[in-house]
Protein backbone atom coordinates (compact mmCIF):
# COMPACT_ATOMS: atom_id res chain seq x y z
CA UNK A 1 -0.06 -0.61 -0.16
CA UNK A 2 1.19 3.37 -1.24
CA UNK A 3 2.75 5.79 1.66
CA UNK A 4 3.55 9.28 1.11
CA UNK A 5 6.71 11.18 2.51
CA UNK A 6 6.50 14.81 3.23
CA UNK A 7 9.96 16.63 4.74
CA UNK A 8 8.44 19.67 6.53
CA UNK A 9 9.84 23.38 6.89
CA UNK A 10 10.10 24.15 2.94
CA UNK A 11 7.98 27.65 2.61
CA UNK A 12 4.86 26.95 -0.49
CA UNK A 13 5.70 29.17 -3.10
CA UNK A 14 3.82 29.69 -6.92
CA UNK A 15 0.35 28.84 -8.78
CA UNK A 16 -1.74 25.80 -7.75
CA UNK A 17 -4.64 25.34 -10.39
CA UNK A 18 -7.48 24.62 -8.33
CA UNK A 19 -9.65 21.15 -10.08
CA UNK A 20 -13.04 20.78 -10.58
CA UNK A 21 -14.97 20.22 -7.52
CA UNK A 22 -15.75 16.91 -6.67
CA UNK A 23 -18.77 17.07 -5.03
CA UNK A 24 -20.44 19.10 -7.88
CA UNK A 25 -19.12 16.47 -10.57
CA UNK A 26 -20.45 13.49 -8.83
CA UNK A 27 -24.56 14.43 -9.32
CA UNK A 28 -23.75 16.21 -12.44
CA UNK A 29 -22.92 12.48 -13.77
CA UNK A 30 -26.28 11.25 -12.61
CA UNK A 31 -27.81 13.69 -14.53
CA UNK A 32 -27.28 11.63 -17.89
CA UNK A 33 -29.27 9.28 -16.66
CA UNK A 34 -32.57 11.69 -17.13
CA UNK A 35 -32.40 11.76 -21.04
CA UNK A 36 -30.83 10.14 -23.84
CA UNK A 37 -28.98 13.22 -24.69
CA UNK A 38 -25.27 13.10 -24.65
CA UNK A 39 -23.81 15.10 -21.49
CA UNK A 40 -21.02 16.63 -21.69
CA UNK A 41 -18.77 17.56 -18.55
CA UNK A 42 -15.69 19.71 -18.60
CA UNK A 43 -13.21 20.54 -16.11
CA UNK A 44 -14.31 17.20 -14.30
CA UNK A 45 -11.10 16.02 -11.95
CA UNK A 46 -9.42 12.75 -11.78
CA UNK A 47 -10.30 10.84 -9.30
CA UNK A 48 -11.02 7.92 -7.64
CA UNK A 49 -14.34 8.80 -6.54
CA UNK A 50 -15.44 10.42 -9.90
CA UNK A 51 -14.25 6.83 -11.43
CA UNK A 52 -16.04 5.06 -8.95
CA UNK A 53 -19.07 6.83 -10.08
CA UNK A 54 -18.06 5.95 -13.83
CA UNK A 55 -17.82 2.53 -13.34
CA UNK A 56 -21.53 2.46 -11.46
CA UNK A 57 -22.52 4.90 -14.57
CA UNK A 58 -20.96 1.60 -17.19
CA UNK A 59 -22.50 -1.32 -15.15
CA UNK A 60 -25.80 0.59 -15.55
CA UNK A 61 -25.54 0.56 -19.50
CA UNK A 62 -24.65 4.78 -19.86
CA UNK A 63 -21.49 5.26 -22.77
CA UNK A 64 -18.96 7.28 -21.26
CA UNK A 65 -16.00 8.93 -23.32
CA UNK A 66 -13.53 10.98 -21.79
CA UNK A 67 -11.17 13.57 -23.49
CA UNK A 68 -8.10 15.12 -22.34
CA UNK A 69 -6.52 18.08 -23.21
CA UNK A 70 -3.30 20.12 -22.43
CA UNK A 71 -5.58 22.78 -20.56
CA UNK A 72 -8.91 20.65 -19.20
CA UNK A 73 -10.46 16.52 -19.11
CA UNK A 74 -14.02 16.58 -19.81
CA UNK A 75 -16.14 13.20 -20.02
CA UNK A 76 -19.21 12.85 -22.13
CA UNK A 77 -22.59 10.28 -20.56
CA UNK A 78 -24.65 8.56 -22.90
CA UNK A 79 -27.65 6.96 -21.20
CA UNK A 80 -29.51 6.02 -24.83
CA UNK A 81 -28.21 2.34 -24.01
CA UNK A 82 -29.25 1.85 -20.34
CA UNK A 83 -29.83 -1.22 -19.85
CA UNK A 84 -29.70 -1.86 -16.02
CA UNK A 85 -31.73 -0.24 -13.11
CA UNK A 86 -29.80 -1.92 -10.34
CA UNK A 87 -27.17 -0.22 -8.19
CA UNK A 88 -25.35 -2.86 -6.46
CA UNK A 89 -23.56 -3.01 -3.03
CA UNK A 90 -19.95 -3.65 -5.11
CA UNK A 91 -20.14 -0.62 -6.64
CA UNK A 92 -22.09 1.47 -3.98
CA UNK A 93 -20.67 0.78 -0.62
CA UNK A 94 -17.29 2.45 -1.74
CA UNK A 95 -18.58 5.81 -2.47
CA UNK A 96 -21.48 7.24 -0.40
CA UNK A 97 -22.50 9.43 -3.58
CA UNK A 98 -22.79 6.45 -5.54
CA UNK A 99 -27.17 6.78 -4.06
CA UNK A 100 -27.82 10.38 -6.35
CA UNK A 101 -28.50 7.61 -9.34
CA UNK A 102 -31.76 6.93 -6.95
CA UNK A 103 -33.85 9.81 -8.22
CA UNK A 104 -32.63 10.04 -11.86
CA UNK A 105 -33.41 6.39 -12.22
CA UNK A 106 -36.73 6.51 -10.16
CA UNK A 107 -37.69 9.60 -12.24
CA UNK A 108 -37.06 9.05 -15.88
CA UNK A 109 -37.59 4.90 -15.67
CA UNK A 110 -39.95 4.57 -13.01
CA UNK A 111 -38.10 1.71 -11.29
CA UNK A 112 -34.60 1.74 -8.57
CA UNK A 113 -32.83 -0.33 -6.86
CA UNK A 114 -30.19 1.10 -5.35
CA UNK A 115 -27.69 -0.23 -2.42
CA UNK A 116 -26.81 1.54 0.62
CA UNK A 117 -23.81 3.47 0.12
CA UNK A 118 -21.03 3.70 1.97
CA UNK A 119 -17.91 6.19 2.25
CA UNK A 120 -16.01 8.41 4.55
CA UNK A 121 -16.64 6.66 8.20
CA UNK A 122 -17.36 10.42 9.42
CA UNK A 123 -20.51 9.06 11.47
CA UNK A 124 -23.96 8.94 10.16
CA UNK A 125 -25.49 9.81 7.38
CA UNK A 126 -28.53 8.00 6.50
CA UNK A 127 -30.77 7.81 3.78
CA UNK A 128 -34.05 9.22 5.28
CA UNK A 129 -34.62 12.33 3.46
CA UNK A 130 -33.84 10.96 -0.28
CA UNK A 131 -36.45 8.02 0.77
CA UNK A 132 -38.52 9.93 2.83
CA UNK A 133 -38.54 12.92 0.00
CA UNK A 134 -39.00 10.55 -3.01
CA UNK A 135 -42.30 9.19 -1.11
CA UNK A 136 -44.06 12.38 -1.37
CA UNK A 137 -43.16 12.63 -4.71
CA UNK A 138 -45.02 10.30 -4.95
CA UNK A 139 -42.67 7.33 -4.95
CA UNK A 140 -43.06 3.43 -3.76
CA UNK A 141 -40.19 3.24 -1.41
CA UNK A 142 -39.14 -0.46 0.27
CA UNK A 143 -35.99 -1.32 2.12
CA UNK A 144 -34.71 -5.34 1.46
CA UNK A 145 -31.37 -7.22 2.00
CA UNK A 146 -29.64 -4.12 2.39
CA UNK A 147 -31.35 -2.31 -1.14
CA UNK A 148 -33.50 0.46 -1.48
CA UNK A 149 -35.97 -0.31 -3.93
CA UNK A 150 -38.49 2.62 -5.40
CA UNK A 151 -41.28 2.35 -8.48
CA UNK A 152 -42.53 4.92 -9.69
CA UNK A 153 -44.84 3.51 -12.94
CA UNK A 154 -47.14 5.80 -13.93
CA UNK A 155 -44.19 8.91 -13.02
CA UNK A 156 -43.27 11.04 -10.10
CA UNK A 157 -45.77 13.84 -9.36
CA UNK A 158 -44.54 16.82 -7.97
CA UNK A 159 -45.16 17.75 -4.34
CA UNK A 160 -43.98 19.75 -1.34
CA UNK A 161 -40.94 18.65 0.39
CA UNK A 162 -39.50 20.16 4.06
CA UNK A 163 -35.85 18.69 5.00
CA UNK A 164 -36.03 18.08 8.33
CA UNK A 165 -32.63 19.68 8.89
CA UNK A 166 -29.99 20.40 5.83
CA UNK A 167 -28.98 18.00 2.78
CA UNK A 168 -26.69 18.03 0.46
CA UNK A 169 -27.32 14.69 -1.06
CA UNK A 170 -30.98 14.99 -0.45
CA UNK A 171 -31.19 18.47 -2.22
CA UNK A 172 -29.59 16.62 -5.03
CA UNK A 173 -31.60 14.14 -5.70
CA UNK A 174 -34.72 15.04 -4.86
CA UNK A 175 -33.84 18.35 -7.48
CA UNK A 176 -33.04 15.90 -9.77
CA UNK A 177 -36.49 13.47 -9.79
CA UNK A 178 -37.99 16.59 -9.37
CA UNK A 179 -37.32 17.95 -12.52
CA UNK A 180 -39.85 15.31 -14.68
CA UNK A 181 -42.60 14.56 -12.04
CA UNK A 182 -45.66 15.61 -13.02
CA UNK A 183 -46.41 19.51 -12.19
CA UNK A 184 -44.66 21.24 -9.47
CA UNK A 185 -42.46 20.56 -6.48
CA UNK A 186 -40.90 22.85 -3.87
CA UNK A 187 -38.19 21.99 -2.33
CA UNK A 188 -37.83 23.75 1.52
CA UNK A 189 -34.65 24.48 3.48
CA UNK A 190 -32.82 22.90 0.69
CA UNK A 191 -29.16 23.26 0.81
CA UNK A 192 -27.86 25.94 -0.63
CA UNK A 193 -23.97 24.83 -1.45
CA UNK A 194 -22.56 25.87 -4.70
CA UNK A 195 -22.20 22.47 -6.53
CA UNK A 196 -26.20 22.32 -6.30
CA UNK A 197 -26.19 25.55 -7.44
CA UNK A 198 -23.72 24.50 -10.50
CA UNK A 199 -26.26 21.07 -10.67
CA UNK A 200 -29.51 23.11 -10.62
CA UNK A 201 -27.78 25.05 -13.65
CA UNK A 202 -26.41 22.86 -15.36
CA UNK A 203 -30.36 21.15 -15.37
CA UNK A 204 -31.66 23.95 -16.52
CA UNK A 205 -29.48 24.09 -19.65
CA UNK A 206 -31.07 20.27 -20.11
CA UNK A 207 -34.35 21.96 -20.27
CA UNK A 208 -35.63 21.96 -16.48
CA UNK A 209 -37.58 24.61 -15.34
CA UNK A 210 -35.93 25.23 -11.46
CA UNK A 211 -36.60 28.47 -9.64
CA UNK A 212 -34.87 30.00 -6.58
CA UNK A 213 -30.96 28.67 -7.70
CA UNK A 214 -29.09 29.28 -4.35
CA UNK A 215 -31.29 29.84 -1.94
CA UNK A 216 -33.25 27.25 0.72
CA UNK A 217 -36.38 27.65 -1.62
CA UNK A 218 -36.02 25.72 -4.28
CA UNK A 219 -39.76 25.37 -6.84
CA UNK A 220 -39.07 22.99 -9.99
CA UNK A 221 -42.06 23.33 -13.26
CA UNK A 222 -42.12 19.67 -14.08
CA UNK A 223 -41.33 19.05 -17.75
CA UNK A 224 -42.06 15.55 -20.50
CA UNK A 225 -37.90 15.13 -21.01
CA UNK A 226 -34.67 17.02 -20.85
CA UNK A 227 -32.07 17.47 -23.81
CA UNK A 228 -27.94 17.05 -23.41
CA UNK A 229 -25.91 20.00 -22.87
CA UNK A 230 -22.32 21.10 -22.10
CA UNK A 231 -21.55 21.89 -18.17
CA UNK A 232 -18.09 23.54 -17.13
CA UNK A 233 -17.47 21.76 -13.27
CA UNK A 234 -17.27 24.82 -10.96
CA UNK A 235 -13.44 25.16 -9.26
CA UNK A 236 -13.35 23.01 -5.63
CA UNK A 237 -13.92 25.33 -2.79
CA UNK A 238 -12.75 22.46 -0.36
CA UNK A 239 -9.53 22.11 -2.84
CA UNK A 240 -9.24 25.48 -2.66
CA UNK A 241 -9.47 26.42 1.13
CA UNK A 242 -7.05 23.64 1.87
CA UNK A 243 -4.54 24.63 -0.86
CA UNK A 244 -4.98 28.44 0.82
CA UNK A 245 -4.05 26.63 4.29
CA UNK A 246 -1.16 25.08 3.06
CA UNK A 247 0.82 28.22 1.76
CA UNK A 248 -0.60 29.78 5.35
CA UNK A 249 0.94 26.94 7.37
CA UNK A 250 4.06 27.02 6.13
CA UNK A 251 4.51 30.39 5.83
CA UNK A 252 4.61 30.74 1.64
CA UNK A 253 2.91 32.84 -1.18
CA UNK A 254 0.62 30.42 -3.36
CA UNK A 255 -1.70 31.75 -6.26
CA UNK A 256 -5.09 29.79 -6.89
CA UNK A 257 -5.65 29.80 -9.62
CA UNK A 258 -9.36 29.23 -11.51
CA UNK A 259 -10.69 31.14 -8.17
CA UNK A 260 -13.38 33.51 -7.18
CA UNK A 261 -13.45 35.00 -3.74
CA UNK A 262 -16.77 34.53 -3.33
CA UNK A 263 -16.88 30.79 -3.54
CA UNK A 264 -14.94 30.25 -0.47
CA UNK A 265 -16.72 33.24 1.20
CA UNK A 266 -16.72 32.26 4.70
CA UNK A 267 -13.37 30.24 4.75
CA UNK A 268 -11.48 33.46 3.42
CA UNK A 269 -13.37 35.46 6.11
CA UNK A 270 -12.05 33.38 9.36
CA UNK A 271 -8.52 33.18 7.52
CA UNK A 272 -8.53 36.53 7.07
CA UNK A 273 -9.01 36.47 11.41
CA UNK A 274 -6.65 34.48 11.34
CA UNK A 275 -4.22 37.02 9.47
CA UNK A 276 -3.86 35.08 6.32
CA UNK A 277 -4.78 38.26 3.40
CA UNK A 278 -6.45 36.29 0.13
CA UNK A 279 -5.94 39.19 -2.56
CA UNK A 280 -7.97 39.09 -6.12
CA UNK A 281 -5.12 38.96 -9.37
CA UNK A 282 -6.34 38.15 -13.06
CA UNK A 283 -6.11 34.75 -12.31
CA UNK A 284 -7.32 33.86 -8.86
CA UNK A 285 -6.50 34.20 -5.22
CA UNK A 286 -3.32 35.12 -3.80
CA UNK A 287 -2.76 33.85 -0.30
CA UNK A 288 0.11 34.61 2.65
CA UNK A 289 0.74 35.95 5.60
CA UNK A 290 -0.79 39.32 5.92
CA UNK A 291 1.67 39.71 9.46
CA UNK A 292 3.75 37.17 8.91
CA UNK A 293 2.12 35.09 11.92
CA UNK A 294 -1.81 33.22 12.22
CA UNK A 295 -3.46 33.90 14.73
CA UNK A 296 -5.81 31.16 16.67
CA UNK A 297 -9.43 32.00 15.70
CA UNK A 298 -12.52 29.80 16.95
CA UNK A 299 -14.52 28.20 14.10
CA UNK A 300 -17.84 26.09 14.09
CA UNK A 301 -18.70 24.49 11.43
CA UNK A 302 -22.42 24.95 9.71
CA UNK A 303 -24.03 24.35 6.62
CA UNK A 304 -23.07 26.79 3.60
CA UNK A 305 -23.21 29.71 3.50
CA UNK A 306 -20.88 29.00 7.36
CA UNK A 307 -17.72 27.32 7.55
CA UNK A 308 -17.71 23.80 6.01
CA UNK A 309 -17.03 20.90 7.42
CA UNK A 310 -14.87 19.71 4.91
CA UNK A 311 -12.65 22.19 6.06
CA UNK A 312 -12.34 21.79 9.23
CA UNK A 313 -9.64 19.27 9.81
CA UNK A 314 -7.20 21.02 8.00
CA UNK A 315 -8.05 24.44 9.82
CA UNK A 316 -7.41 22.44 13.16
CA UNK A 317 -4.16 21.97 11.46
CA UNK A 318 -3.49 25.09 10.60
CA UNK A 319 -4.46 26.27 14.86
CA UNK A 320 -2.18 23.59 15.56
CA UNK A 321 0.88 26.06 14.96
CA UNK A 322 -0.90 29.00 15.03
CA UNK A 323 -0.08 31.74 18.17
CA UNK A 324 -2.86 31.34 20.51
CA UNK A 325 -5.47 29.09 21.21
CA UNK A 326 -8.31 28.73 19.40
CA UNK A 327 -12.13 26.39 19.43
CA UNK A 328 -12.97 24.47 17.13
CA UNK A 329 -16.49 22.81 16.82
CA UNK A 330 -17.87 20.38 14.58
CA UNK A 331 -22.19 20.64 14.57
CA UNK A 332 -22.36 18.34 11.04
CA UNK A 333 -21.17 14.58 12.00
CA UNK A 334 -20.42 13.23 15.21
CA UNK A 335 -17.72 11.44 14.73
CA UNK A 336 -15.09 13.66 12.98
CA UNK A 337 -12.26 14.33 14.49
CA UNK A 338 -10.18 11.35 14.48
CA UNK A 339 -6.88 13.32 12.67
CA UNK A 340 -6.38 14.63 16.45
CA UNK A 341 -4.60 11.50 17.50
CA UNK A 342 -2.63 11.80 15.07
CA UNK A 343 -1.69 15.56 14.57
CA UNK A 344 -1.07 15.01 18.81
CA UNK A 345 1.99 12.05 17.65
CA UNK A 346 3.27 15.36 15.80
CA UNK A 347 2.65 17.44 18.65
CA UNK A 348 0.45 19.36 18.69
CA UNK A 349 -2.11 20.41 22.07
CA UNK A 350 -5.57 19.80 21.53
CA UNK A 351 -8.08 18.77 23.75
CA UNK A 352 -11.45 17.33 22.28
CA UNK A 353 -14.73 17.81 24.78
CA UNK A 354 -17.80 16.64 23.22
CA UNK A 355 -18.24 18.21 20.17
CA UNK A 356 -15.78 20.38 20.14
CA UNK A 357 -11.61 20.71 20.62
CA UNK A 358 -9.26 23.00 22.48
CA UNK A 359 -6.23 23.62 20.16
CA UNK A 360 -3.45 25.64 21.61
CA UNK A 361 -0.85 26.48 18.95
CA UNK A 362 2.66 25.67 19.47
CA UNK A 363 5.81 26.47 18.23
CA UNK A 364 6.66 23.76 16.08
CA UNK A 365 5.44 20.49 14.71
CA UNK A 366 8.00 17.29 14.55
CA UNK A 367 7.74 14.79 11.75
CA UNK A 368 6.10 11.15 12.64
CA UNK A 369 4.27 7.90 10.81
CA UNK A 370 0.79 8.57 10.90
CA UNK A 371 -2.04 7.19 9.33
CA UNK A 372 -5.09 9.07 7.24
CA UNK A 373 -8.56 7.62 8.63
CA UNK A 374 -10.96 9.73 6.08
CA UNK A 375 -10.74 12.33 2.87
CA UNK A 376 -10.65 15.23 4.74
CA UNK A 377 -8.70 14.10 7.79
CA UNK A 378 -6.02 12.98 5.06
CA UNK A 379 -4.60 16.32 4.01
CA UNK A 380 -4.82 17.57 7.03
CA UNK A 381 -1.96 15.18 7.74
CA UNK A 382 -0.58 16.69 4.78
CA UNK A 383 -0.51 20.33 6.09
CA UNK A 384 0.87 19.18 9.26
CA UNK A 385 3.64 16.86 7.38
CA UNK A 386 4.04 20.59 5.67
CA UNK A 387 4.83 22.23 8.62
CA UNK A 388 6.86 19.50 11.14
CA UNK A 389 10.38 19.54 11.56
CA UNK A 390 11.61 16.40 9.42
CA UNK A 391 10.28 13.54 7.16
CA UNK A 392 6.44 12.69 7.93
CA UNK A 393 5.02 9.16 6.36
CA UNK A 394 1.11 9.07 6.10
CA UNK A 395 -0.39 5.73 5.29
CA UNK A 396 -3.48 4.83 3.82
CA UNK A 397 -2.97 7.50 1.53
CA UNK A 398 -6.16 6.22 -1.28
CA UNK A 399 -8.41 8.41 1.07
CA UNK A 400 -6.49 11.12 -0.98
CA UNK A 401 -6.91 9.22 -4.34
CA UNK A 402 -10.80 9.96 -3.53
CA UNK A 403 -10.95 14.10 -3.47
CA UNK A 404 -7.06 15.41 -4.29
CA UNK A 405 -6.49 15.21 -8.32
CA UNK A 406 -2.43 15.08 -8.24
CA UNK A 407 -1.71 16.64 -4.96
CA UNK A 408 2.04 15.40 -4.27
CA UNK A 409 2.36 17.40 -8.02
CA UNK A 410 1.19 20.70 -6.79
CA UNK A 411 2.88 20.82 -3.95
CA UNK A 412 5.90 19.64 -5.27
CA UNK A 413 5.51 22.29 -7.69
CA UNK A 414 5.41 24.68 -5.04
CA UNK A 415 8.67 23.85 -3.40
CA UNK A 416 7.26 21.01 -1.07
CA UNK A 417 9.62 17.87 -0.82
CA UNK A 418 6.76 15.57 -0.42
CA UNK A 419 6.84 11.96 -2.72
CA UNK A 420 4.44 8.72 -3.16
CA UNK A 421 6.38 5.66 -1.87
CA UNK A 422 4.89 2.26 -3.40
CA UNK A 423 4.40 -0.03 -1.00
CA UNK A 424 8.63 -1.92 0.21
CA UNK A 425 10.66 1.25 -0.38
CA UNK A 426 12.97 2.62 1.80
CA UNK A 427 12.56 4.92 4.59
């Protein structure tokens, strides 16, 4: 199993091109199930999760064609020859986002059998909101042997769905399903993430009628059919926030290319409070410490437009070397502090109290062997390794492959001493 070795202490300097957002691309890929026409997605990241979704769509009978240019990676999806409406356990267990095929399949084909999903072990993330929402649109749903069986032989019917709590995945599934439902649908207390706005814009380009994009109340007028389109995947705000924190923790200066300031609003505001400047450039954002130091700040994760849970671990890594103390509170997932013991191994001072962690900045971190537990935790250990004295060895790097495109290359190009070691490579 591969590992990553990092020799810390080198400030990052240079440019990093921000890839297309994984969390936008995955639901966008599922839109192909809503039409017989081709859906072409541009700026698609080359990630393990994208491969997993591609394998699932291929199993369903979708024809997938990838085209790589010097500047971009585009993928064309054609579900004209769809031959299967069952998403099996062996494919779905690898990634939670696989459940996003449920809504499109039952909306267009009247039936779907989808395994209950897997993904990162960061707490319970039930799909009950997906199921209840589809039932409110007229689907008959049974749970049998770990599978969701959904039927709507006469098609779905529009209705009002009020989410009891904000759910990105349920909003995406119901939004896609509602585009082909008879009548009008209102999704109330819908998630507002930029990736959902990106999905809605793509669906409208396919002929859907969606209003309220960017708000927590989406109004959808169902149409008889959708057509194909070409759509560019929005930039990955989580990747951007991660590299911004990498620049800050190393005391470097990095330009994030292809990023708009408003895409990382809450994270940018928090970083500014901590003493990190983000200056707009013609190509993106230039990130550096404003006055040479990073100060401790309190952070609470919240649904968009609040501070994203997917940047909590990275922010904690940054705070381990900040001046003063910070309190980091996780409100989205109940098991998302698994990186704390690993950061502590590197010399961090962190005390967890329930859903909050008190972080007291230390003068230095020290390299150590560490273990990745999930996608975002793994990259937080990379950040810590970049700032630490000595060598850090990160195990279970397959987590990184799920969400960070060419991470070692991007960091190396900015002066980091980081390399991927194959199993058996000498330390």
